[in-house]
Amino acid sequence: MEFNIIISGVGGQGNVRAAQILGLAALKSGYDVKITDVYGIAQRGGSVVSHVRIGKIYIHH
C-alpha cells in the first residue's frame, strides 16, 4: 500500500508544517515516509508545494 499526497498553497499558510505533521504521524505508525518541499520565488506569499510519499516498505526513487 502506498500513498502520494500533495499539499499546496501560499507561503505562510503552514503547508510545510502540515506535511511534516502528516509524515511524522505515518512514521510513528510504522510507515516509510519521504517528504519534499518546493518553494516559489518569495518566502512569504509565494507558492509552496509539499509532496508526501507514504509506503509500508522502503520506498525507492
PDB file of N, CA and C in Angstrom:
ATOM      1  N   MET A   1       0.843  -1.168   0.000  1.00  0.00           N
ATOM      2  CA  MET A   1       0.000   0.000   0.000  1.00  0.00           C
ATOM      3  C   MET A   1       0.895   1.240   0.000  1.00  0.00           C
ATOM      4  N   GLU A   2       0.554   2.190  -0.839  1.00  0.00           N
ATOM      5  CA  GLU A   2       1.365   3.391  -0.987  1.00  0.00           C
ATOM      6  C   GLU A   2       0.452   4.598  -1.201  1.00  0.00           C
ATOM      7  N   PHE A   3       0.841   5.717  -0.601  1.00  0.00           N
ATOM      8  CA  PHE A   3       0.072   6.954  -0.747  1.00  0.00           C
ATOM      9  C   PHE A   3       0.991   8.055  -1.247  1.00  0.00           C
ATOM     10  N   ASN A   4       0.519   8.840  -2.186  1.00  0.00           N
ATOM     11  CA  ASN A   4       1.220  10.023  -2.673  1.00  0.00           C
ATOM     12  C   ASN A   4       0.300  11.206  -2.437  1.00  0.00           C
ATOM     13  N   ILE A   5       0.715  12.127  -1.583  1.00  0.00           N
ATOM     14  CA  ILE A   5      -0.127  13.256  -1.188  1.00  0.00           C
ATOM     15  C   ILE A   5       0.586  14.549  -1.545  1.00  0.00           C
ATOM     16  N   ILE A   6      -0.145  15.482  -2.126  1.00  0.00           N
ATOM     17  CA  ILE A   6       0.399  16.798  -2.453  1.00  0.00           C
ATOM     18  C   ILE A   6      -0.366  17.839  -1.652  1.00  0.00           C
ATOM     19  N   ILE A   7       0.370  18.653  -0.907  1.00  0.00           N
ATOM     20  CA  ILE A   7      -0.211  19.767  -0.158  1.00  0.00           C
ATOM     21  C   ILE A   7       0.339  21.035  -0.788  1.00  0.00           C
ATOM     22  N   SER A   8      -0.539  21.869  -1.320  1.00  0.00           N
ATOM     23  CA  SER A   8      -0.069  23.084  -1.996  1.00  0.00           C
ATOM     24  C   SER A   8      -0.801  24.303  -1.468  1.00  0.00           C
ATOM     25  N   GLY A   9      -0.170  25.444  -1.603  1.00  0.00           N
ATOM     26  CA  GLY A   9      -0.775  26.686  -1.151  1.00  0.00           C
ATOM     27  C   GLY A   9       0.208  27.831  -1.251  1.00  0.00           C
ATOM     28  N   VAL A  10      -0.034  28.834  -0.433  1.00  0.00           N
ATOM     29  CA  VAL A  10       0.773  30.050  -0.424  1.00  0.00           C
ATOM     30  C   VAL A  10       1.660  30.036   0.812  1.00  0.00           C
ATOM     31  N   GLY A  11       2.908  30.515   0.666  1.00  0.00           N
ATOM     32  CA  GLY A  11       3.837  30.568   1.785  1.00  0.00           C
ATOM     33  C   GLY A  11       3.251  31.295   2.980  1.00  0.00           C
ATOM     34  N   GLY A  12       3.459  30.746   4.161  1.00  0.00           N
ATOM     35  CA  GLY A  12       2.955  31.345   5.385  1.00  0.00           C
ATOM     36  C   GLY A  12       1.655  30.730   5.867  1.00  0.00           C
ATOM     37  N   GLN A  13       1.074  29.794   5.099  1.00  0.00           N
ATOM     38  CA  GLN A  13      -0.183  29.161   5.491  1.00  0.00           C
ATOM     39  C   GLN A  13       0.019  27.889   6.306  1.00  0.00           C
ATOM     40  N   GLY A  14       1.246  27.420   6.421  1.00  0.00           N
ATOM     41  CA  GLY A  14       1.507  26.211   7.190  1.00  0.00           C
ATOM     42  C   GLY A  14       1.488  24.935   6.369  1.00  0.00           C
ATOM     43  N   ASN A  15       1.660  25.047   5.071  1.00  0.00           N
ATOM     44  CA  ASN A  15       1.644  23.864   4.203  1.00  0.00           C
ATOM     45  C   ASN A  15       2.786  22.910   4.527  1.00  0.00           C
ATOM     46  N   VAL A  16       3.974  23.450   4.726  1.00  0.00           N
ATOM     47  CA  VAL A  16       5.140  22.618   5.032  1.00  0.00           C
ATOM     48  C   VAL A  16       4.953  21.956   6.394  1.00  0.00           C
ATOM     49  N   ARG A  17       4.450  22.695   7.350  1.00  0.00           N
ATOM     50  CA  ARG A  17       4.212  22.142   8.692  1.00  0.00           C
ATOM     51  C   ARG A  17       3.177  21.030   8.637  1.00  0.00           C
ATOM     52  N   ALA A  18       2.129  21.209   7.847  1.00  0.00           N
ATOM     53  CA  ALA A  18       1.101  20.174   7.699  1.00  0.00           C
ATOM     54  C   ALA A  18       1.706  18.896   7.117  1.00  0.00           C
ATOM     55  N   ALA A  19       2.592  19.036   6.141  1.00  0.00           N
ATOM     56  CA  ALA A  19       3.259  17.873   5.550  1.00  0.00           C
ATOM     57  C   ALA A  19       4.142  17.176   6.584  1.00  0.00           C
ATOM     58  N   GLN A  20       4.833  17.958   7.418  1.00  0.00           N
ATOM     59  CA  GLN A  20       5.687  17.379   8.459  1.00  0.00           C
ATOM     60  C   GLN A  20       4.860  16.612   9.487  1.00  0.00           C
ATOM     61  N   ILE A  21       3.733  17.174   9.888  1.00  0.00           N
ATOM     62  CA  ILE A  21       2.862  16.510  10.868  1.00  0.00           C
ATOM     63  C   ILE A  21       2.301  15.217  10.293  1.00  0.00           C
ATOM     64  N   LEU A  22       1.845  15.267   9.040  1.00  0.00           N
ATOM     65  CA  LEU A  22       1.322  14.075   8.375  1.00  0.00           C
ATOM     66  C   LEU A  22       2.401  13.001   8.258  1.00  0.00           C
ATOM     67  N   GLY A  23       3.598  13.409   7.859  1.00  0.00           N
ATOM     68  CA  GLY A  23       4.703  12.463   7.730  1.00  0.00           C
ATOM     69  C   GLY A  23       5.107  11.847   9.055  1.00  0.00           C
ATOM     70  N   LEU A  24       5.152  12.650  10.103  1.00  0.00           N
ATOM     71  CA  LEU A  24       5.518  12.145  11.425  1.00  0.00           C
ATOM     72  C   LEU A  24       4.483  11.150  11.945  1.00  0.00           C
ATOM     73  N   ALA A  25       3.208  11.443  11.723  1.00  0.00           N
ATOM     74  CA  ALA A  25       2.147  10.526  12.150  1.00  0.00           C
ATOM     75  C   ALA A  25       2.268   9.185  11.427  1.00  0.00           C
ATOM     76  N   ALA A  26       2.543   9.232  10.126  1.00  0.00           N
ATOM     77  CA  ALA A  26       2.703   7.992   9.355  1.00  0.00           C
ATOM     78  C   ALA A  26       3.947   7.233   9.804  1.00  0.00           C
ATOM     79  N   LEU A  27       5.036   7.962  10.072  1.00  0.00           N
ATOM     80  CA  LEU A  27       6.278   7.343  10.531  1.00  0.00           C
ATOM     81  C   LEU A  27       6.072   6.630  11.866  1.00  0.00           C
ATOM     82  N   LYS A  28       5.357   7.267  12.781  1.00  0.00           N
ATOM     83  CA  LYS A  28       5.088   6.663  14.090  1.00  0.00           C
ATOM     84  C   LYS A  28       4.146   5.472  13.991  1.00  0.00           C
ATOM     85  N   SER A  29       3.411   5.376  12.869  1.00  0.00           N
ATOM     86  CA  SER A  29       2.514   4.243  12.638  1.00  0.00           C
ATOM     87  C   SER A  29       3.216   3.098  11.914  1.00  0.00           C
ATOM     88  N   GLY A  30       4.523   3.251  11.656  1.00  0.00           N
ATOM     89  CA  GLY A  30       5.296   2.179  11.063  1.00  0.00           C
ATOM     90  C   GLY A  30       5.481   2.261   9.562  1.00  0.00           C
ATOM     91  N   TYR A  31       5.104   3.359   8.957  1.00  0.00           N
ATOM     92  CA  TYR A  31       5.260   3.523   7.509  1.00  0.00           C
ATOM     93  C   TYR A  31       6.593   4.187   7.182  1.00  0.00           C
ATOM     94  N   ASP A  32       7.074   3.969   5.965  1.00  0.00           N
ATOM     95  CA  ASP A  32       8.242   4.679   5.455  1.00  0.00           C
ATOM     96  C   ASP A  32       7.733   5.964   4.823  1.00  0.00           C
ATOM     97  N   VAL A  33       8.414   7.074   5.070  1.00  0.00           N
ATOM     98  CA  VAL A  33       7.921   8.382   4.627  1.00  0.00           C
ATOM     99  C   VAL A  33       9.027   9.150   3.915  1.00  0.00           C
ATOM    100  N   LYS A  34       8.667   9.787   2.820  1.00  0.00           N
ATOM    101  CA  LYS A  34       9.555  10.715   2.112  1.00  0.00           C
ATOM    102  C   LYS A  34       8.793  12.020   1.927  1.00  0.00           C
ATOM    103  N   ILE A  35       9.442  13.146   2.231  1.00  0.00           N
ATOM    104  CA  ILE A  35       8.811  14.460   2.082  1.00  0.00           C
ATOM    105  C   ILE A  35       9.750  15.370   1.306  1.00  0.00           C
ATOM    106  N   THR A  36       9.215  16.060   0.308  1.00  0.00           N
ATOM    107  CA  THR A  36       9.979  17.081  -0.404  1.00  0.00           C
ATOM    108  C   THR A  36       9.145  18.352  -0.458  1.00  0.00           C
ATOM    109  N   ASP A  37       9.807  19.482  -0.350  1.00  0.00           N
ATOM    110  CA  ASP A  37       9.138  20.783  -0.399  1.00  0.00           C
ATOM    111  C   ASP A  37       9.709  21.592  -1.553  1.00  0.00           C
ATOM    112  N   VAL A  38       8.832  22.264  -2.280  1.00  0.00           N
ATOM    113  CA  VAL A  38       9.236  23.135  -3.382  1.00  0.00           C
ATOM    114  C   VAL A  38       8.694  24.524  -3.080  1.00  0.00           C
ATOM    115  N   TYR A  39       9.603  25.493  -2.969  1.00  0.00           N
ATOM    116  CA  TYR A  39       9.220  26.860  -2.636  1.00  0.00           C
ATOM    117  C   TYR A  39       9.245  27.724  -3.887  1.00  0.00           C
ATOM    118  N   GLY A  40       8.319  28.685  -3.949  1.00  0.00           N
ATOM    119  CA  GLY A  40       8.317  29.659  -5.032  1.00  0.00           C
ATOM    120  C   GLY A  40       9.397  30.705  -4.812  1.00  0.00           C
ATOM    121  N   ILE A  41       9.355  31.765  -5.584  1.00  0.00           N
ATOM    122  CA  ILE A  41      10.382  32.810  -5.515  1.00  0.00           C
ATOM    123  C   ILE A  41      10.356  33.530  -4.168  1.00  0.00           C
ATOM    124  N   ALA A  42       9.201  33.927  -3.705  1.00  0.00           N
ATOM    125  CA  ALA A  42       9.089  34.670  -2.444  1.00  0.00           C
ATOM    126  C   ALA A  42       8.943  33.696  -1.282  1.00  0.00           C
ATOM    127  N   GLN A  43       9.541  34.041  -0.138  1.00  0.00           N
ATOM    128  CA  GLN A  43       9.392  33.185   1.035  1.00  0.00           C
ATOM    129  C   GLN A  43       7.972  33.244   1.573  1.00  0.00           C
ATOM    130  N   ARG A  44       7.441  34.424   1.677  1.00  0.00           N
ATOM    131  CA  ARG A  44       6.091  34.584   2.203  1.00  0.00           C
ATOM    132  C   ARG A  44       5.220  35.131   1.084  1.00  0.00           C
ATOM    133  N   GLY A  45       4.141  34.452   0.794  1.00  0.00           N
ATOM    134  CA  GLY A  45       3.255  34.879  -0.266  1.00  0.00           C
ATOM    135  C   GLY A  45       3.499  34.173  -1.581  1.00  0.00           C
ATOM    136  N   GLY A  46       4.612  33.454  -1.707  1.00  0.00           N
ATOM    137  CA  GLY A  46       4.904  32.687  -2.918  1.00  0.00           C
ATOM    138  C   GLY A  46       4.295  31.296  -2.830  1.00  0.00           C
ATOM    139  N   SER A  47       4.321  30.575  -3.914  1.00  0.00           N
ATOM    140  CA  SER A  47       3.740  29.232  -3.928  1.00  0.00           C
ATOM    141  C   SER A  47       4.639  28.237  -3.186  1.00  0.00           C
ATOM    142  N   VAL A  48       3.988  27.296  -2.514  1.00  0.00           N
ATOM    143  CA  VAL A  48       4.690  26.234  -1.796  1.00  0.00           C
ATOM    144  C   VAL A  48       3.968  24.925  -2.094  1.00  0.00           C
ATOM    145  N   VAL A  49       4.727  23.912  -2.466  1.00  0.00           N
ATOM    146  CA  VAL A  49       4.156  22.592  -2.718  1.00  0.00           C
ATOM    147  C   VAL A  49       4.961  21.570  -1.928  1.00  0.00           C
ATOM    148  N   SER A  50       4.278  20.746  -1.153  1.00  0.00           N
ATOM    149  CA  SER A  50       4.918  19.668  -0.402  1.00  0.00           C
ATOM    150  C   SER A  50       4.397  18.339  -0.929  1.00  0.00           C
ATOM    151  N   HIS A  51       5.316  17.437  -1.223  1.00  0.00           N
ATOM    152  CA  HIS A  51       4.967  16.093  -1.667  1.00  0.00           C
ATOM    153  C   HIS A  51       5.260  15.143  -0.510  1.00  0.00           C
ATOM    154  N   VAL A  52       4.262  14.373  -0.107  1.00  0.00           N
ATOM    155  CA  VAL A  52       4.427  13.397   0.967  1.00  0.00           C
ATOM    156  C   VAL A  52       4.165  12.023   0.360  1.00  0.00           C
ATOM    157  N   ARG A  53       5.148  11.141   0.472  1.00  0.00           N
ATOM    158  CA  ARG A  53       5.001   9.788  -0.049  1.00  0.00           C
ATOM    159  C   ARG A  53       5.087   8.821   1.116  1.00  0.00           C
ATOM    160  N   ILE A  54       4.058   8.000   1.281  1.00  0.00           N
ATOM    161  CA  ILE A  54       3.958   7.081   2.414  1.00  0.00           C
ATOM    162  C   ILE A  54       3.812   5.664   1.873  1.00  0.00           C
ATOM    163  N   GLY A  55       4.632   4.755   2.378  1.00  0.00           N
ATOM    164  CA  GLY A  55       4.563   3.362   1.954  1.00  0.00           C
ATOM    165  C   GLY A  55       4.844   2.430   3.115  1.00  0.00           C
ATOM    166  N   LYS A  56       4.394   1.195   2.991  1.00  0.00           N
ATOM    167  CA  LYS A  56       4.590   0.219   4.056  1.00  0.00           C
ATOM    168  C   LYS A  56       6.009  -0.333   4.067  1.00  0.00           C
ATOM    169  N   ILE A  57       6.685  -0.319   2.919  1.00  0.00           N
ATOM    170  CA  ILE A  57       8.060  -0.799   2.845  1.00  0.00           C
ATOM    171  C   ILE A  57       8.950   0.346   2.385  1.00  0.00           C
ATOM    172  N   TYR A  58      10.256   0.130   2.378  1.00  0.00           N
ATOM    173  CA  TYR A  58      11.194   1.167   1.949  1.00  0.00           C
ATOM    174  C   TYR A  58      10.858   1.614   0.533  1.00  0.00           C
ATOM    175  N   ILE A  59      10.762   2.918   0.324  1.00  0.00           N
ATOM    176  CA  ILE A  59      10.387   3.481  -0.967  1.00  0.00           C
ATOM    177  C   ILE A  59      11.649   3.806  -1.757  1.00  0.00           C
ATOM    178  N   HIS A  60      11.757   3.263  -2.962  1.00  0.00           N
ATOM    179  CA  HIS A  60      12.882   3.552  -3.857  1.00  0.00           C
ATOM    180  C   HIS A  60      12.474   4.641  -4.817  1.00  0.00           C
ATOM    181  N   HIS A  61      13.392   5.559  -5.135  1.00  0.00           N
ATOM    182  CA  HIS A  61      13.093   6.639  -6.090  1.00  0.00           C
ATOM    183  C   HIS A  61      13.672   6.310  -7.428  1.00  0.00           C
TER     184      HIS A  61
END
